[in-house]
Amino acid sequence: MKPTGAEWRAKEAKYFMRAGRRMPLLAVRGEGAHIWDDEGKKYLDFFGGPATISIGHSHPVMVQALMEQAQQLIHVSNQFYSIPQLQLAELLVENSCFDRVYFMNSGAEANEGALKLARKWGKEKKDGAYEVIVTENAFHGRTLQMITAGGTERYKAPFTPLPEGFVHVPFNDAEAVKRATTPRTVAVFIEPIQGEGGINVPDDTYLPALRKWCDEQDLLLIVDEVQTGCGRTGRLFAYEHWGIEPDIMTLGKGIGNGVPLSAFLAKEHAAVFVPGDHGSTYGGEPLTTRVGYEVMRYIIENDVPAQVRAKAQIVERRLASLLDRCPRVRSVRGKGLMWAIEFTSEIGERVTNAALENGLIVNNVRPNAVRLAPPLTISDEELEQGLVILEHVIEHGGAPGK
């Protein structure tokens, strides 16, 4: 007899390290914008991993790539050439402002690689400068260095002493970056839109001001596009919204549509690695890069970012209407298909659980906010359906059964 959801949860409680909290859902199948649980209940997925499912669960392009590549070559050392790796490298470079790319497995690893690149650049080009200016409420991953670079104190407190070399300033404040800059500064490292911090969208002048300051001070501008990249914001890469070109960019999540794949890209002048400086056993292996190539090719050839911009108008219209009529909602913010609804009180978890009861998966990204990050390929009808459910739940204050 197949184990029940309760039995699986009991196994998890017995065997698994409890480093996080789970929703009461045992997911067993996904297709498009939907997930099914072990009892056959169907859910609309507005969480996406988070923001990882770019072209939909089990998309045929991805499934076909996995099957074909698994039959040919799954893994080979990076000491050898690999066709899928080179295909994806060419696709990313030719469709971005960058010249070089290196593949890793997770967003945190891509960010680590980007900062290693910056540190070496500082040694070679800027008299040993090593400090990186980062922002409050940022999230860059869960490695020791990335929680230090991040801006959430509760993620850091249990793990002190922390690595040195990071200076935190408020997000969306270019003047604070200028005040924090010293001869030791080598780079400014930001998310174009803060994801885990609550979908915080900067003013239109922020990134251009940072680019100008970095040019004047001979600093590297590094953008963490692990969550905002690959079409999520309505452009292939979010930096395009502001008409600037960073020196280094990191990607993850949506690039693999669910397989563990990430990358960091650099302009030629910042690509200072030489053989022996960096490596990864699994980074860029044929299986994951074949999937990444097919996913990114699908996004580019079908102009998915343009579709996202159209869908964003649906989200913005409905959320603006909700803001106008619901006193529980303090603000709505976002771009493309990454949005947050902020409440006047800490009802985020209640709203998330009530939405789940009603067949919609969202994420309480903050105690007083929920995040929406559906697949980029979600239909207009599915988008409207999920927003109707969410509006109903919020208007009832996240009460159970509503």
Protein backbone atom coordinates (compact mmCIF):
# COMPACT_ATOMS: atom_id res chain seq x y z
CA MET A 1 0.00 0.00 0.00
CA LYS A 2 1.24 3.47 -0.90
CA PRO A 3 2.28 5.56 2.15
CA THR A 4 -0.06 8.42 3.02
CA GLY A 5 0.94 12.04 3.24
CA ALA A 6 0.89 11.80 7.02
CA GLU A 7 3.25 8.80 6.91
CA TRP A 8 5.66 10.63 4.63
CA ARG A 9 5.63 13.63 6.97
CA ALA A 10 6.39 11.30 9.88
CA LYS A 11 9.38 9.92 7.98
CA GLU A 12 10.60 13.45 7.35
CA ALA A 13 10.30 14.29 11.04
CA LYS A 14 12.30 11.17 11.91
CA TYR A 15 15.11 11.39 9.35
CA PHE A 16 15.47 14.91 7.99
CA MET A 17 17.39 17.88 9.39
CA ARG A 18 14.78 20.51 10.19
CA ALA A 19 16.44 23.52 8.61
CA GLY A 20 13.19 24.96 7.26
CA ARG A 21 9.42 24.78 7.40
CA ARG A 22 7.26 23.00 4.86
CA MET A 23 3.77 23.64 3.55
CA PRO A 24 1.31 20.79 4.23
CA LEU A 25 1.48 19.50 0.65
CA LEU A 26 3.03 16.29 -0.68
CA ALA A 27 3.71 17.11 -4.33
CA VAL A 28 3.82 14.14 -6.71
CA ARG A 29 3.27 15.55 -10.20
CA GLY A 30 3.53 18.81 -12.12
CA GLU A 31 2.44 19.99 -15.54
CA GLY A 32 2.46 23.54 -16.87
CA ALA A 33 1.26 25.87 -14.12
CA HIS A 34 -0.18 23.07 -11.97
CA ILE A 35 0.94 20.67 -9.24
CA TRP A 36 -0.95 17.63 -7.93
CA ASP A 37 -0.65 16.20 -4.42
CA ASP A 38 -0.69 12.56 -3.34
CA GLU A 39 -4.48 12.59 -3.04
CA GLY A 40 -4.99 13.90 -6.56
CA LYS A 41 -5.84 17.49 -5.61
CA LYS A 42 -4.81 20.03 -8.26
CA TYR A 43 -3.12 23.33 -7.40
CA LEU A 44 -2.20 26.40 -9.40
CA ASP A 45 1.47 27.12 -8.72
CA PHE A 46 2.14 30.83 -8.16
CA PHE A 47 5.32 30.01 -6.18
CA GLY A 48 7.40 28.19 -8.75
CA GLY A 49 10.19 26.92 -6.67
CA PRO A 50 10.56 29.97 -5.90
CA ALA A 51 10.75 31.71 -9.30
CA THR A 52 12.51 28.63 -10.68
CA ILE A 53 9.88 27.12 -12.96
CA SER A 54 10.26 29.42 -15.94
CA ILE A 55 8.57 27.54 -18.80
CA GLY A 56 6.24 25.35 -16.70
CA HIS A 57 6.43 22.05 -14.86
CA SER A 58 7.64 19.14 -17.01
CA HIS A 59 7.59 21.20 -20.19
CA PRO A 60 7.94 18.92 -23.26
CA VAL A 61 11.08 20.77 -24.41
CA MET A 62 12.73 20.08 -21.06
CA VAL A 63 11.55 16.46 -20.82
CA GLN A 64 12.78 15.70 -24.34
CA ALA A 65 16.16 17.25 -23.58
CA LEU A 66 16.54 15.20 -20.40
CA MET A 67 15.62 11.96 -22.15
CA GLU A 68 17.88 12.48 -25.16
CA GLN A 69 20.87 13.69 -23.18
CA ALA A 70 20.55 10.95 -20.54
CA GLN A 71 20.83 8.40 -23.33
CA GLN A 72 23.96 10.07 -24.72
CA LEU A 73 26.09 11.48 -21.90
CA ILE A 74 25.06 12.59 -18.41
CA HIS A 75 28.35 13.64 -16.87
CA VAL A 76 31.91 14.22 -17.95
CA SER A 77 34.78 16.09 -16.35
CA ASN A 78 35.21 19.75 -17.14
CA GLN A 79 38.65 18.77 -18.37
CA PHE A 80 36.85 17.74 -21.56
CA TYR A 81 34.77 19.69 -24.04
CA SER A 82 31.00 19.21 -23.94
CA ILE A 83 28.67 20.26 -26.76
CA PRO A 84 25.67 21.30 -24.59
CA GLN A 85 27.93 23.42 -22.36
CA LEU A 86 29.36 25.26 -25.36
CA GLN A 87 25.93 25.69 -26.95
CA LEU A 88 24.52 27.28 -23.81
CA ALA A 89 27.61 29.46 -23.35
CA GLU A 90 27.24 30.81 -26.88
CA LEU A 91 23.50 31.42 -26.44
CA LEU A 92 23.96 33.38 -23.21
CA VAL A 93 26.87 35.49 -24.41
CA GLU A 94 25.30 36.29 -27.78
CA ASN A 95 22.08 37.42 -26.08
CA SER A 96 23.62 39.50 -23.30
CA CYS A 97 26.21 42.25 -22.87
CA PHE A 98 28.83 39.81 -21.52
CA ASP A 99 31.83 38.10 -23.06
CA ARG A 100 32.56 35.08 -20.85
CA VAL A 101 30.55 32.57 -18.82
CA TYR A 102 31.18 29.86 -16.24
CA PHE A 103 28.59 27.30 -15.12
CA MET A 104 27.79 26.16 -11.60
CA ASN A 105 24.96 24.27 -9.88
CA SER A 106 23.15 26.82 -7.69
CA GLY A 107 22.64 30.54 -7.38
CA ALA A 108 24.75 30.69 -4.24
CA GLU A 109 27.66 29.01 -6.07
CA ALA A 110 27.33 31.43 -8.99
CA ASN A 111 27.46 34.33 -6.54
CA GLU A 112 30.51 32.83 -4.84
CA GLY A 113 32.21 32.59 -8.23
CA ALA A 114 31.33 36.19 -9.07
CA LEU A 115 32.84 37.45 -5.82
CA LYS A 116 35.97 35.36 -6.30
CA LEU A 117 36.30 36.97 -9.71
CA ALA A 118 35.89 40.43 -8.16
CA ARG A 119 38.45 39.74 -5.43
CA LYS A 120 41.03 38.61 -7.99
CA TRP A 121 40.27 41.63 -10.18
CA GLY A 122 40.87 43.84 -7.14
CA LYS A 123 44.26 42.26 -6.54
CA GLU A 124 45.32 42.66 -10.15
CA LYS A 125 43.67 45.93 -11.13
CA LYS A 126 42.95 47.96 -7.99
CA ASP A 127 45.82 47.71 -5.52
CA GLY A 128 44.37 44.75 -3.63
CA ALA A 129 40.89 46.26 -3.03
CA TYR A 130 38.58 43.55 -1.70
CA GLU A 131 35.53 45.04 0.04
CA VAL A 132 32.13 44.65 -1.57
CA ILE A 133 29.23 47.02 -0.98
CA VAL A 134 25.99 45.09 -0.55
CA THR A 135 22.47 46.04 0.52
CA GLU A 136 20.15 45.56 3.45
CA ASN A 137 17.34 43.02 2.90
CA ALA A 138 19.39 41.37 0.14
CA PHE A 139 19.50 37.62 -0.38
CA HIS A 140 22.32 35.94 -2.29
CA GLY A 141 22.22 32.34 -1.05
CA ARG A 142 22.94 30.18 2.00
CA THR A 143 26.69 29.60 1.97
CA LEU A 144 28.62 31.26 4.78
CA GLN A 145 29.90 34.03 2.54
CA MET A 146 26.50 34.58 0.90
CA ILE A 147 24.59 34.93 4.17
CA THR A 148 27.22 37.49 5.12
CA ALA A 149 26.67 39.35 1.85
CA GLY A 150 22.91 39.11 2.42
CA GLY A 151 21.00 41.62 4.47
CA THR A 152 18.97 39.46 6.88
CA GLU A 153 20.45 39.32 10.37
CA ARG A 154 18.58 36.21 11.52
CA TYR A 155 20.28 34.19 8.77
CA LYS A 156 23.70 35.28 10.06
CA ALA A 157 23.40 35.26 13.85
CA PRO A 158 23.84 31.49 14.44
CA PHE A 159 26.97 31.29 12.30
CA THR A 160 29.36 33.94 13.57
CA PRO A 161 32.21 34.74 13.15
CA LEU A 162 31.45 35.69 9.56
CA PRO A 163 33.77 36.33 6.62
CA GLU A 164 35.05 39.89 6.32
CA GLY A 165 34.89 42.29 3.43
CA PHE A 166 31.22 43.31 3.17
CA VAL A 167 29.73 46.75 3.77
CA HIS A 168 25.93 47.00 3.99
CA VAL A 169 23.93 50.02 2.86
CA PRO A 170 20.20 50.61 2.31
CA PHE A 171 18.75 49.33 -0.97
CA ASN A 172 17.67 51.93 -3.55
CA ASP A 173 20.04 54.54 -2.13
CA ALA A 174 22.87 55.43 -4.49
CA GLU A 175 24.13 58.15 -2.19
CA ALA A 176 24.65 55.55 0.56
CA VAL A 177 26.83 53.56 -1.85
CA LYS A 178 28.90 56.66 -2.54
CA ARG A 179 29.37 57.35 1.18
CA ALA A 180 30.42 53.73 1.80
CA THR A 181 33.03 53.66 -0.94
CA THR A 182 36.67 53.67 0.18
CA PRO A 183 40.01 52.77 -1.44
CA ARG A 184 39.33 49.19 -0.23
CA THR A 185 36.10 48.91 -2.27
CA VAL A 186 36.28 46.61 -5.27
CA ALA A 187 32.62 46.14 -6.25
CA VAL A 188 28.95 46.95 -5.71
CA PHE A 189 26.85 43.77 -5.55
CA ILE A 190 23.06 44.06 -5.81
CA GLU A 191 19.86 42.37 -6.92
CA PRO A 192 18.20 44.56 -9.57
CA ILE A 193 14.94 43.74 -7.79
CA GLN A 194 15.18 42.22 -4.32
CA GLY A 195 13.45 38.84 -4.29
CA GLU A 196 13.53 37.27 -0.84
CA GLY A 197 13.61 40.76 0.67
CA GLY A 198 10.00 41.21 -0.44
CA ILE A 199 10.07 42.04 -4.19
CA ASN A 200 11.56 45.49 -3.70
CA VAL A 201 11.71 47.42 -6.98
CA PRO A 202 14.17 50.35 -7.10
CA ASP A 203 13.60 53.79 -8.54
CA ASP A 204 14.42 54.17 -12.23
CA THR A 205 17.48 56.28 -11.37
CA TYR A 206 19.09 53.75 -9.00
CA LEU A 207 20.93 51.34 -11.32
CA PRO A 208 22.05 54.07 -13.74
CA ALA A 209 23.45 56.02 -10.77
CA LEU A 210 25.33 52.94 -9.56
CA ARG A 211 26.72 52.31 -13.04
CA LYS A 212 27.93 55.93 -13.27
CA TRP A 213 29.51 55.78 -9.81
CA CYS A 214 31.27 52.49 -10.53
CA ASP A 215 32.67 53.94 -13.75
CA GLU A 216 33.93 57.04 -11.95
CA GLN A 217 35.50 55.07 -9.08
CA ASP A 218 36.79 52.12 -11.14
CA LEU A 219 34.55 49.60 -9.36
CA LEU A 220 32.85 46.47 -10.65
CA LEU A 221 29.05 46.46 -10.78
CA ILE A 222 27.77 42.94 -10.09
CA VAL A 223 24.09 42.06 -10.49
CA ASP A 224 22.56 38.97 -8.89
CA GLU A 225 19.92 37.92 -11.42
CA VAL A 226 19.38 34.46 -9.96
CA GLN A 227 15.73 35.36 -9.43
CA THR A 228 15.22 38.23 -11.90
CA GLY A 229 16.96 36.69 -14.93
CA CYS A 230 15.75 34.49 -17.79
CA GLY A 231 12.65 36.51 -18.63
CA ARG A 232 11.12 36.76 -15.16
CA THR A 233 10.79 40.57 -15.16
CA GLY A 234 9.66 41.00 -18.77
CA ARG A 235 13.17 41.36 -20.21
CA LEU A 236 15.59 38.52 -20.81
CA PHE A 237 17.73 40.04 -18.05
CA ALA A 238 16.47 42.66 -15.61
CA TYR A 239 19.42 45.03 -16.11
CA GLU A 240 17.97 45.78 -19.56
CA HIS A 241 15.07 47.69 -17.98
CA TRP A 242 17.47 50.43 -16.89
CA GLY A 243 19.64 50.64 -20.00
CA ILE A 244 22.89 49.75 -18.23
CA GLU A 245 25.53 47.07 -18.66
CA PRO A 246 26.94 45.42 -15.50
CA ASP A 247 30.46 44.03 -15.33
CA ILE A 248 29.38 40.67 -13.89
CA MET A 249 25.99 38.93 -13.68
CA THR A 250 24.85 35.75 -11.96
CA LEU A 251 22.00 33.47 -13.09
CA GLY A 252 20.23 30.48 -11.57
CA LYS A 253 16.70 29.25 -10.90
CA GLY A 254 14.84 29.84 -14.19
CA ILE A 255 17.83 29.02 -16.41
CA GLY A 256 17.29 25.31 -15.74
CA ASN A 257 13.52 25.26 -15.14
CA GLY A 258 14.10 23.05 -12.12
CA VAL A 259 17.38 21.25 -12.81
CA PRO A 260 20.37 22.44 -10.71
CA LEU A 261 22.12 24.88 -13.02
CA SER A 262 23.56 28.37 -12.58
CA ALA A 263 26.09 30.64 -14.23
CA PHE A 264 28.15 33.74 -13.77
CA LEU A 265 28.97 35.93 -16.74
CA ALA A 266 31.55 38.71 -17.06
CA LYS A 267 32.78 41.39 -19.39
CA GLU A 268 36.18 40.64 -20.86
CA HIS A 269 37.96 43.13 -18.61
CA ALA A 270 36.55 41.44 -15.49
CA ALA A 271 37.12 37.84 -16.63
CA VAL A 272 40.47 37.49 -14.87
CA PHE A 273 40.39 33.78 -13.99
CA VAL A 274 43.19 31.58 -15.30
CA PRO A 275 43.35 27.76 -15.20
CA GLY A 276 43.28 26.58 -11.59
CA ASP A 277 41.37 29.57 -10.21
CA HIS A 278 37.94 27.96 -10.10
CA GLY A 279 36.19 24.67 -10.71
CA SER A 280 33.19 22.46 -10.05
CA THR A 281 32.70 18.72 -10.34
CA TYR A 282 29.15 19.01 -11.63
CA GLY A 283 29.04 22.61 -12.84
CA GLY A 284 28.23 22.70 -16.54
CA GLU A 285 27.78 18.95 -16.98
CA PRO A 286 26.09 17.84 -20.24
CA LEU A 287 22.73 16.90 -18.71
CA THR A 288 22.00 20.21 -17.00
CA THR A 289 23.48 22.45 -19.69
CA ARG A 290 21.48 20.63 -22.38
CA VAL A 291 18.33 21.42 -20.43
CA GLY A 292 19.49 24.99 -19.86
CA TYR A 293 20.20 25.41 -23.56
CA GLU A 294 16.76 24.16 -24.58
CA VAL A 295 15.00 26.22 -21.90
CA MET A 296 16.82 29.43 -22.78
CA ARG A 297 16.40 28.82 -26.51
CA TYR A 298 12.66 28.37 -25.97
CA ILE A 299 12.48 31.60 -23.96
CA ILE A 300 14.41 33.56 -26.60
CA GLU A 301 12.87 32.10 -29.77
CA ASN A 302 9.30 32.45 -28.47
CA ASP A 303 9.96 35.94 -27.05
CA VAL A 304 8.68 34.83 -23.65
CA PRO A 305 9.76 38.16 -22.07
CA ALA A 306 7.24 39.99 -24.28
CA GLN A 307 4.54 37.55 -23.17
CA VAL A 308 5.53 38.22 -19.57
CA ARG A 309 5.14 41.97 -20.08
CA ALA A 310 1.60 41.40 -21.35
CA LYS A 311 0.73 39.12 -18.43
CA ALA A 312 2.19 41.65 -16.01
CA GLN A 313 -0.54 44.07 -17.03
CA ILE A 314 -3.16 41.57 -15.86
CA VAL A 315 -1.43 41.17 -12.49
CA GLU A 316 -0.89 44.89 -12.02
CA ARG A 317 -4.51 45.73 -12.89
CA ARG A 318 -6.01 43.19 -10.51
CA LEU A 319 -3.62 43.93 -7.65
CA ALA A 320 -4.17 47.68 -8.01
CA SER A 321 -7.91 47.03 -7.74
CA LEU A 322 -7.35 44.91 -4.65
CA LEU A 323 -5.24 47.67 -3.09
CA ASP A 324 -8.01 50.20 -3.71
CA ARG A 325 -10.78 48.20 -2.09
CA CYS A 326 -9.13 46.05 0.60
CA PRO A 327 -7.94 47.81 3.78
CA ARG A 328 -5.78 44.80 4.70
CA VAL A 329 -3.46 45.54 1.75
CA ARG A 330 -0.81 48.20 2.34
CA SER A 331 0.97 48.04 -1.00
CA VAL A 332 1.57 45.96 -4.12
CA ARG A 333 4.86 45.98 -6.02
CA GLY A 334 6.63 44.06 -8.71
CA LYS A 335 7.62 43.76 -12.33
CA GLY A 336 6.93 41.13 -14.96
CA LEU A 337 5.84 37.98 -13.13
CA MET A 338 7.41 38.61 -9.73
CA TRP A 339 5.10 40.49 -7.35
CA ALA A 340 4.47 40.99 -3.66
CA ILE A 341 1.35 41.98 -1.78
CA GLU A 342 2.16 43.67 1.52
CA PHE A 343 -0.43 43.65 4.32
CA THR A 344 -1.06 46.02 7.19
CA SER A 345 -0.46 43.16 9.66
CA GLU A 346 1.48 39.88 9.77
CA ILE A 347 -1.10 37.66 8.04
CA GLY A 348 1.22 36.34 5.33
CA GLU A 349 1.25 32.77 6.63
CA ARG A 350 -2.52 32.73 7.15
CA VAL A 351 -3.09 33.93 3.61
CA THR A 352 -0.63 31.35 2.25
CA ASN A 353 -2.33 28.48 4.08
CA ALA A 354 -5.82 29.61 3.12
CA ALA A 355 -4.78 29.95 -0.51
CA LEU A 356 -3.41 26.40 -0.38
CA GLU A 357 -6.75 25.11 0.92
CA ASN A 358 -8.36 26.78 -2.07
CA GLY A 359 -5.96 25.24 -4.60
CA LEU A 360 -3.43 28.05 -5.02
CA ILE A 361 0.24 27.95 -4.02
CA VAL A 362 1.80 31.27 -2.98
CA ASN A 363 4.65 32.07 -0.61
CA ASN A 364 4.73 34.30 2.46
CA VAL A 365 8.05 35.89 1.57
CA ARG A 366 7.79 38.10 4.66
CA PRO A 367 5.49 37.81 7.71
CA ASN A 368 3.39 40.65 6.29
CA ALA A 369 3.71 39.85 2.57
CA VAL A 370 3.10 37.11 0.01
CA ARG A 371 5.06 36.60 -3.21
CA LEU A 372 3.70 35.63 -6.62
CA ALA A 373 6.09 34.00 -9.11
CA PRO A 374 4.10 31.76 -11.48
CA PRO A 375 5.63 30.07 -14.52
CA LEU A 376 6.30 32.56 -17.31
CA THR A 377 4.22 30.40 -19.66
CA ILE A 378 1.07 30.52 -17.53
CA SER A 379 -2.03 31.28 -19.59
CA ASP A 380 -4.06 34.45 -19.10
CA GLU A 381 -6.97 32.32 -17.93
CA GLU A 382 -4.86 30.51 -15.33
CA LEU A 383 -3.42 33.81 -14.17
CA GLU A 384 -6.90 35.31 -13.73
CA GLN A 385 -8.11 32.16 -11.96
CA GLY A 386 -5.29 32.26 -9.42
CA LEU A 387 -5.70 35.98 -8.79
CA VAL A 388 -9.43 35.52 -8.14
CA ILE A 389 -8.63 32.86 -5.52
CA LEU A 390 -6.01 35.06 -3.91
CA GLU A 391 -8.25 38.13 -3.82
CA HIS A 392 -11.03 36.12 -2.18
CA VAL A 393 -8.64 34.75 0.46
CA ILE A 394 -7.18 38.17 1.25
CA GLU A 395 -10.58 39.84 1.48
CA HIS A 396 -11.49 37.24 4.12
CA GLY A 397 -8.26 37.87 6.01
CA GLY A 398 -6.84 34.41 5.35
CA ALA A 399 -9.56 32.78 7.43
CA PRO A 400 -9.54 28.96 7.20
CA GLY A 401 -11.90 27.53 4.63
CA LYS A 402 -12.49 30.85 2.90
